[in-house]
Amino acid sequence: MSHYLGMRPWATPAMRDVFSDEHVLRHALAFEAALARAQLAEELIDASAAQAIGTACDTLAPDPAELAEQAAFAGTLAIPLVTSLRQHLGDHPAARLVHLGATSQDLADTVLMCQVKAAHAVLLPDLERLCAALAGLAREHAACPAIGRTLLQDATAVGFGLRLAQALAGIDFAWAQLDAAIATHARLQLGGAAGSRAGLQGRGAAIAQRVAAALELAAGPPWHAQRVGVGAIASALGLLIGAVGKPARDIALLAQNAIGEAQEPRIAGRGGSSAMAHKRNPTGCQVALSAAIRAPGLVASVLGGLPQEQERGLGGWQAEAPVLAELFGLVSASLAAMAVVAGGLEVNQAAIAANLEASGLDAEIGESVAIVNALLASLRRS
């Protein structure tokens, strides 16, 4: 299965691009160039060396496939990349100063955090579209009496918009958790061989501040073997994927033929069947629910790696980057799909009314409208 056939159903093109080979190399080379400039500013290397390293980072164009083979053999991208930079510099004295005071994990973790920040930005437009659409639907249908269902059985009447407002509140909460996790934990990694910043002549903190500013990351102490920040980001992604799955589950249930209270928008070529032309499948909801099924195991993989060994773990942190890439891919596809669903959701008020009448339930919806208004008022964005 090709890269596109394998990934496109569960990751948007923009999110695939964030985690592409091109961007991995761009971030890695930016780290090395920023490190050299910071060391110049702190007088660890001279201007000639810093300029030569920066130029090498700008002009090096390694073959990703060849570099990937070398990285797989070496166990880390940094080893063949730094070797390539040194070879690119040739006899220049700066060659021995490339990667000075840094280690392989510094590069790997910093690249990952640059990707995390970029991936977060990619999610925001679809998040905003989805939340705005759900808020509008909740307001519009807040007072519409509909069957409330508990344990998948008819219960009492609720405002149709209440179900949507509750789903939106869950998404908003998860969104806040993701924002907080990234703001707190998307930090530069610069600790050196064993996390003590040895070899930086006591200027490690100042150099880290400069490198972080250049890469638009937060700065702080090294976090080589302390991986709770990555766990927090993974957990927040899992929460968001699950929260987006909530309206997907509800809409899919409401779209069943025997209920017919809501349907995904009609879009040519979407939601059909290869064998049954009459079908109108909830394909957008399918994307979100598939993501929600996969996410818990991925989050568990990151959490399972938290007991890192001493100053640098074996196997635990190396598992994080591909897992975070997959989680970001899943949430991107889920949000994009459900933004389309919510933006064009067809609410069948006649079916809602007919189902309620057939159930024999009273049409009293309690404080549904007030609860919808309170939930919408509590949102960070609506």
Protein backbone atom coordinates (compact mmCIF):
# COMPACT_ATOMS: atom_id res chain seq x y z
CA MET A 1 0.00 0.00 0.00
CA SER A 2 1.41 3.38 -0.98
CA HIS A 3 2.09 6.21 1.40
CA TYR A 4 -0.98 8.08 0.11
CA LEU A 5 -3.38 5.15 0.10
CA GLY A 6 -2.20 4.16 3.54
CA MET A 7 -2.29 7.58 5.21
CA ARG A 8 -4.83 9.79 3.44
CA PRO A 9 -7.95 8.23 5.03
CA TRP A 10 -6.66 9.09 8.52
CA ALA A 11 -4.59 12.25 8.06
CA THR A 12 -5.17 15.46 6.14
CA PRO A 13 -2.63 16.52 3.49
CA ALA A 14 -1.60 19.50 5.64
CA MET A 15 -0.90 17.25 8.61
CA ARG A 16 1.01 14.74 6.50
CA ASP A 17 3.17 17.62 5.34
CA VAL A 18 4.01 18.63 8.93
CA PHE A 19 5.52 15.19 9.53
CA SER A 20 7.12 14.82 6.10
CA ASP A 21 10.80 14.02 5.52
CA GLU A 22 11.30 17.54 4.19
CA HIS A 23 10.13 19.13 7.42
CA VAL A 24 12.04 16.71 9.64
CA LEU A 25 15.26 17.69 7.86
CA ARG A 26 14.35 21.38 7.85
CA HIS A 27 13.82 21.40 11.61
CA ALA A 28 16.94 19.33 12.26
CA LEU A 29 19.16 21.62 10.22
CA ALA A 30 17.54 24.70 11.77
CA PHE A 31 18.45 23.30 15.19
CA GLU A 32 22.10 22.85 14.22
CA ALA A 33 22.32 26.32 12.68
CA ALA A 34 20.63 27.95 15.68
CA LEU A 35 22.94 26.09 18.05
CA ALA A 36 26.00 27.42 16.24
CA ARG A 37 24.67 31.01 16.22
CA ALA A 38 23.85 30.79 19.93
CA GLN A 39 27.33 29.50 20.69
CA LEU A 40 28.80 32.40 18.72
CA ALA A 41 26.74 34.85 20.77
CA GLU A 42 28.00 33.20 23.97
CA GLU A 43 31.59 33.19 22.67
CA LEU A 44 32.05 29.42 22.50
CA ILE A 45 32.85 29.49 18.77
CA ASP A 46 34.03 32.24 16.43
CA ALA A 47 32.12 34.01 13.66
CA SER A 48 33.86 32.07 10.89
CA ALA A 49 32.75 28.74 12.36
CA ALA A 50 29.19 29.88 13.04
CA GLN A 51 28.83 31.26 9.52
CA ALA A 52 30.28 28.12 7.95
CA ILE A 53 27.94 25.86 9.94
CA GLY A 54 24.95 28.04 9.09
CA THR A 55 25.84 27.97 5.40
CA ALA A 56 26.28 24.20 5.51
CA CYS A 57 22.86 23.80 7.11
CA ASP A 58 21.35 26.03 4.39
CA THR A 59 22.99 24.21 1.49
CA LEU A 60 23.06 20.58 2.59
CA ALA A 61 20.53 18.56 0.62
CA PRO A 62 20.73 14.93 1.76
CA ASP A 63 18.70 12.23 0.08
CA PRO A 64 15.96 11.36 2.61
CA ALA A 65 15.88 7.70 1.58
CA GLU A 66 19.64 7.30 1.99
CA LEU A 67 19.62 9.22 5.26
CA ALA A 68 16.74 7.07 6.54
CA GLU A 69 18.72 3.91 5.85
CA GLN A 70 21.71 5.33 7.69
CA ALA A 71 19.54 6.47 10.61
CA ALA A 72 17.96 3.03 10.87
CA PHE A 73 21.42 1.49 11.05
CA ALA A 74 22.85 4.05 13.49
CA GLY A 75 19.76 4.14 15.69
CA THR A 76 19.20 7.87 15.38
CA LEU A 77 18.92 10.56 12.69
CA ALA A 78 21.52 12.81 14.34
CA ILE A 79 24.48 10.53 13.66
CA PRO A 80 24.27 10.44 9.83
CA LEU A 81 23.03 14.03 9.62
CA VAL A 82 25.89 15.44 11.68
CA THR A 83 28.32 13.27 9.70
CA SER A 84 26.89 14.71 6.47
CA LEU A 85 27.29 18.27 7.77
CA ARG A 86 30.89 17.64 8.74
CA GLN A 87 31.65 16.09 5.37
CA HIS A 88 29.94 19.03 3.68
CA LEU A 89 32.26 21.40 5.56
CA GLY A 90 35.29 19.41 4.47
CA ASP A 91 38.58 20.76 5.85
CA HIS A 92 37.02 23.83 7.44
CA PRO A 93 37.85 24.01 11.16
CA ALA A 94 34.12 24.42 11.85
CA ALA A 95 33.56 20.76 10.97
CA ARG A 96 34.61 19.62 14.42
CA LEU A 97 32.34 22.25 16.05
CA VAL A 98 29.09 21.01 14.48
CA HIS A 99 26.67 19.78 17.16
CA LEU A 100 29.01 21.05 19.90
CA GLY A 101 27.70 20.18 23.37
CA ALA A 102 24.57 18.53 21.96
CA THR A 103 23.52 14.92 21.67
CA SER A 104 21.32 12.85 19.37
CA GLN A 105 18.28 13.09 21.60
CA ASP A 106 18.56 16.88 21.69
CA LEU A 107 18.04 16.96 17.95
CA ALA A 108 15.29 14.31 17.93
CA ASP A 109 13.25 15.87 20.73
CA THR A 110 13.62 19.40 19.40
CA VAL A 111 12.51 18.33 15.92
CA LEU A 112 9.49 16.60 17.46
CA MET A 113 8.50 19.68 19.44
CA CYS A 114 8.82 21.88 16.34
CA GLN A 115 6.47 19.47 14.58
CA VAL A 116 4.08 19.47 17.54
CA LYS A 117 3.77 23.25 17.38
CA ALA A 118 3.25 23.20 13.62
CA ALA A 119 0.69 20.39 13.89
CA HIS A 120 -1.22 22.29 16.57
CA ALA A 121 -1.52 25.29 14.26
CA VAL A 122 -2.81 23.06 11.43
CA LEU A 123 -5.68 21.83 13.63
CA LEU A 124 -7.06 25.22 14.60
CA PRO A 125 -9.09 26.15 11.48
CA ASP A 126 -11.06 22.88 11.47
CA LEU A 127 -11.52 23.05 15.24
CA GLU A 128 -12.96 26.53 14.92
CA ARG A 129 -15.23 25.48 12.05
CA LEU A 130 -16.54 22.47 13.95
CA CYS A 131 -17.16 24.36 17.18
CA ALA A 132 -18.86 27.26 15.42
CA ALA A 133 -21.14 24.89 13.50
CA LEU A 134 -22.10 22.90 16.61
CA ALA A 135 -22.74 26.11 18.55
CA GLY A 136 -25.05 27.37 15.81
CA LEU A 137 -26.96 24.09 15.66
CA ALA A 138 -27.28 23.97 19.46
CA ARG A 139 -28.74 27.48 19.57
CA GLU A 140 -31.08 26.86 16.64
CA HIS A 141 -32.51 23.63 18.05
CA ALA A 142 -32.27 24.29 21.79
CA ALA A 143 -36.05 24.42 22.23
CA CYS A 144 -36.96 21.65 19.76
CA PRO A 145 -38.53 18.75 21.74
CA ALA A 146 -36.88 15.45 20.86
CA ILE A 147 -36.63 12.00 22.38
CA GLY A 148 -33.84 11.79 24.90
CA ARG A 149 -32.31 8.32 24.94
CA THR A 150 -30.51 6.64 27.80
CA LEU A 151 -28.90 3.20 27.43
CA LEU A 152 -30.07 3.43 23.80
CA GLN A 153 -33.72 3.38 24.91
CA ASP A 154 -36.34 6.15 24.85
CA ALA A 155 -36.16 8.14 28.10
CA THR A 156 -37.74 11.62 28.38
CA ALA A 157 -37.87 14.56 26.03
CA VAL A 158 -34.93 16.98 25.77
CA GLY A 159 -34.18 19.94 23.58
CA PHE A 160 -32.53 18.58 20.42
CA GLY A 161 -29.83 21.23 20.74
CA LEU A 162 -28.88 20.07 24.23
CA ARG A 163 -27.21 16.93 22.89
CA LEU A 164 -25.14 19.04 20.50
CA ALA A 165 -24.22 21.58 23.17
CA GLN A 166 -22.98 18.83 25.48
CA ALA A 167 -20.83 17.39 22.70
CA LEU A 168 -19.45 20.85 21.97
CA ALA A 169 -18.60 21.42 25.63
CA GLY A 170 -16.56 18.21 25.63
CA ILE A 171 -14.64 19.27 22.53
CA ASP A 172 -13.99 22.71 23.99
CA PHE A 173 -12.62 21.15 27.20
CA ALA A 174 -10.33 18.80 25.30
CA TRP A 175 -9.17 21.66 23.09
CA ALA A 176 -8.19 23.62 26.20
CA GLN A 177 -6.23 20.64 27.50
CA LEU A 178 -4.32 20.36 24.23
CA ASP A 179 -3.55 24.09 24.15
CA ALA A 180 -2.25 23.95 27.72
CA ALA A 181 -0.17 20.82 27.14
CA ILE A 182 1.54 22.28 24.10
CA ALA A 183 2.07 25.70 25.67
CA THR A 184 3.70 24.04 28.70
CA HIS A 185 5.59 21.14 27.16
CA ALA A 186 6.55 22.05 23.57
CA ARG A 187 10.06 22.97 24.74
CA LEU A 188 13.53 22.92 23.34
CA GLN A 189 15.67 19.98 24.34
CA LEU A 190 19.32 20.79 24.98
CA GLY A 191 21.06 18.71 27.62
CA GLY A 192 24.09 17.19 25.98
CA ALA A 193 25.47 13.74 26.48
CA ALA A 194 23.77 12.92 29.80
CA GLY A 195 21.52 15.89 30.40
CA SER A 196 24.02 17.97 32.39
CA ARG A 197 24.97 20.40 29.59
CA ALA A 198 28.59 19.41 29.94
CA GLY A 199 30.92 20.94 27.36
CA LEU A 200 29.07 24.26 27.12
CA GLN A 201 31.42 26.10 29.50
CA GLY A 202 28.67 27.00 31.92
CA ARG A 203 26.70 28.82 29.21
CA GLY A 204 24.19 26.05 28.58
CA ALA A 205 21.14 27.88 29.90
CA ALA A 206 21.93 31.03 27.94
CA ILE A 207 22.60 29.03 24.77
CA ALA A 208 19.33 27.13 25.24
CA GLN A 209 17.44 30.42 25.59
CA ARG A 210 18.89 31.66 22.31
CA VAL A 211 18.25 28.42 20.41
CA ALA A 212 14.69 28.23 21.73
CA ALA A 213 13.97 31.79 20.66
CA ALA A 214 15.33 31.11 17.18
CA LEU A 215 13.12 28.01 16.82
CA GLU A 216 10.10 29.65 18.50
CA LEU A 217 10.00 27.09 21.28
CA ALA A 218 9.85 27.51 25.04
CA ALA A 219 13.14 27.12 26.91
CA GLY A 220 13.85 25.38 30.18
CA PRO A 221 15.97 22.70 31.82
CA PRO A 222 16.69 19.49 29.88
CA TRP A 223 13.97 16.84 29.99
CA HIS A 224 15.80 13.87 28.45
CA ALA A 225 14.46 11.18 30.76
CA GLN A 226 11.42 13.03 32.09
CA ARG A 227 8.74 12.34 29.46
CA VAL A 228 5.54 13.40 31.19
CA GLY A 229 5.28 16.40 28.88
CA VAL A 230 5.08 14.15 25.83
CA GLY A 231 2.58 12.02 27.76
CA ALA A 232 0.48 15.11 28.45
CA ILE A 233 0.42 16.06 24.77
CA ALA A 234 -0.51 12.50 23.73
CA SER A 235 -3.22 12.32 26.39
CA ALA A 236 -4.69 15.64 25.31
CA LEU A 237 -4.77 14.46 21.70
CA GLY A 238 -6.57 11.30 22.84
CA LEU A 239 -9.12 13.38 24.75
CA LEU A 240 -9.78 15.57 21.73
CA ILE A 241 -10.16 12.61 19.37
CA GLY A 242 -12.60 10.97 21.77
CA ALA A 243 -14.54 14.20 22.27
CA VAL A 244 -14.95 14.67 18.52
CA GLY A 245 -16.15 11.08 18.35
CA LYS A 246 -19.10 11.95 20.64
CA PRO A 247 -21.12 13.97 18.09
CA ALA A 248 -20.03 11.50 15.41
CA ARG A 249 -21.55 8.63 17.38
CA ASP A 250 -24.77 10.54 18.07
CA ILE A 251 -25.24 11.73 14.49
CA ALA A 252 -24.56 8.24 13.13
CA LEU A 253 -27.24 6.83 15.42
CA LEU A 254 -29.71 9.57 14.52
CA ALA A 255 -29.10 8.89 10.82
CA GLN A 256 -30.35 5.30 11.01
CA ASN A 257 -33.28 4.62 8.70
CA ALA A 258 -35.66 3.87 11.56
CA ILE A 259 -34.84 7.18 13.26
CA GLY A 260 -33.92 9.63 10.50
CA GLU A 261 -33.62 12.69 12.74
CA ALA A 262 -30.32 13.93 11.29
CA GLN A 263 -28.19 13.24 8.22
CA GLU A 264 -24.77 14.22 7.02
CA PRO A 265 -24.88 16.78 4.19
CA ARG A 266 -25.40 15.49 0.67
CA ILE A 267 -22.07 15.67 -1.16
CA ALA A 268 -21.63 14.10 -4.58
CA GLY A 269 -19.57 10.91 -4.39
CA ARG A 270 -19.58 10.75 -0.59
CA GLY A 271 -21.33 8.23 1.62
CA GLY A 272 -22.44 5.84 -1.08
CA SER A 273 -22.02 2.09 -1.34
CA SER A 274 -20.19 0.08 -3.99
CA ALA A 275 -22.97 -2.54 -3.89
CA MET A 276 -26.12 -0.72 -2.70
CA ALA A 277 -26.95 2.45 -4.58
CA HIS A 278 -29.76 3.42 -2.18
CA LYS A 279 -27.48 3.82 0.84
CA ARG A 280 -26.46 7.13 2.41
CA ASN A 281 -23.68 6.21 4.78
CA PRO A 282 -22.43 8.57 7.53
CA THR A 283 -18.90 8.62 6.14
CA GLY A 284 -17.71 11.67 8.04
CA CYS A 285 -18.81 10.13 11.31
CA GLN A 286 -17.01 6.95 10.27
CA VAL A 287 -13.71 8.84 10.02
CA ALA A 288 -14.11 10.31 13.51
CA LEU A 289 -15.20 7.04 15.09
CA SER A 290 -12.36 5.10 13.49
CA ALA A 291 -9.94 7.65 14.94
CA ALA A 292 -11.55 7.32 18.37
CA ILE A 293 -11.07 3.55 18.28
CA ARG A 294 -7.39 3.79 17.40
CA ALA A 295 -6.41 6.65 19.72
CA PRO A 296 -6.52 4.96 23.16
CA GLY A 297 -3.95 2.33 22.23
CA LEU A 298 -1.63 4.99 20.81
CA VAL A 299 -1.90 7.12 23.94
CA ALA A 300 -1.22 4.04 26.04
CA SER A 301 1.98 3.44 24.06
CA VAL A 302 3.31 6.83 25.14
CA LEU A 303 2.18 6.43 28.73
CA GLY A 304 3.75 2.97 28.86
CA GLY A 305 7.11 4.52 28.05
CA LEU A 306 7.10 7.01 30.93
CA PRO A 307 9.35 4.95 33.28
CA GLN A 308 12.50 5.95 31.37
CA GLU A 309 15.81 4.47 32.41
CA GLN A 310 18.11 6.90 34.23
CA GLU A 311 19.53 9.67 32.00
CA ARG A 312 18.37 8.29 28.63
CA GLY A 313 15.89 5.53 28.08
CA LEU A 314 16.08 2.63 25.67
CA GLY A 315 13.06 2.22 23.41
CA GLY A 316 10.62 4.44 25.30
CA TRP A 317 11.28 7.90 23.92
CA GLN A 318 12.18 6.46 20.53
CA ALA A 319 8.56 5.26 20.24
CA GLU A 320 7.06 8.69 20.84
CA ALA A 321 7.56 10.52 17.53
CA PRO A 322 5.72 8.06 15.25
CA VAL A 323 2.93 7.72 17.81
CA LEU A 324 2.45 11.48 18.11
CA ALA A 325 2.51 11.78 14.33
CA GLU A 326 -0.26 9.21 14.08
CA LEU A 327 -2.32 10.88 16.82
CA PHE A 328 -2.03 14.26 15.12
CA GLY A 329 -2.96 12.63 11.83
CA LEU A 330 -6.05 11.02 13.34
CA VAL A 331 -7.26 14.20 15.00
CA SER A 332 -6.69 16.19 11.80
CA ALA A 333 -8.84 13.83 9.72
CA SER A 334 -11.47 13.60 12.44
CA LEU A 335 -11.81 17.37 12.79
CA ALA A 336 -11.83 17.96 9.04
CA ALA A 337 -14.53 15.34 8.51
CA MET A 338 -16.76 16.48 11.38
CA ALA A 339 -16.40 20.15 10.47
CA VAL A 340 -18.02 19.26 7.13
CA VAL A 341 -20.69 17.14 8.84
CA ALA A 342 -21.65 19.79 11.38
CA GLY A 343 -21.41 22.60 8.85
CA GLY A 344 -24.04 21.01 6.63
CA LEU A 345 -25.95 18.80 9.07
CA GLU A 346 -29.53 18.16 7.95
CA VAL A 347 -31.83 18.15 10.97
CA ASN A 348 -35.21 16.61 10.14
CA GLN A 349 -37.61 18.33 12.52
CA ALA A 350 -40.58 16.44 11.07
CA ALA A 351 -38.93 13.12 11.91
CA ILE A 352 -38.01 14.38 15.37
CA ALA A 353 -41.61 15.37 16.04
CA ALA A 354 -43.02 12.13 14.59
CA ASN A 355 -40.67 9.97 16.66
CA LEU A 356 -41.57 11.87 19.82
CA GLU A 357 -45.28 11.51 19.14
CA ALA A 358 -44.95 7.80 18.40
CA SER A 359 -43.05 7.26 21.65
CA GLY A 360 -45.91 8.57 23.73
CA LEU A 361 -43.51 10.71 25.77
CA ASP A 362 -44.43 14.12 27.09
CA ALA A 363 -42.91 17.01 25.10
CA GLU A 364 -41.68 18.78 28.27
CA ILE A 365 -37.95 19.47 27.84
CA GLY A 366 -37.20 20.76 31.33
CA GLU A 367 -34.43 23.34 31.49
CA SER A 368 -32.86 22.30 28.19
CA VAL A 369 -32.74 25.84 26.78
CA ALA A 370 -31.16 27.29 29.92
CA ILE A 371 -28.56 24.50 30.00
CA VAL A 372 -27.71 25.04 26.34
CA ASN A 373 -27.24 28.77 26.98
CA ALA A 374 -25.09 28.09 30.05
CA LEU A 375 -22.92 25.60 28.18
CA LEU A 376 -22.40 27.95 25.25
CA ALA A 377 -21.61 30.85 27.59
CA SER A 378 -18.92 28.76 29.29
CA LEU A 379 -17.01 28.02 26.10
CA ARG A 380 -13.68 29.64 25.46
CA ARG A 381 -14.77 30.08 21.85
CA SER A 382 -18.28 29.81 20.44
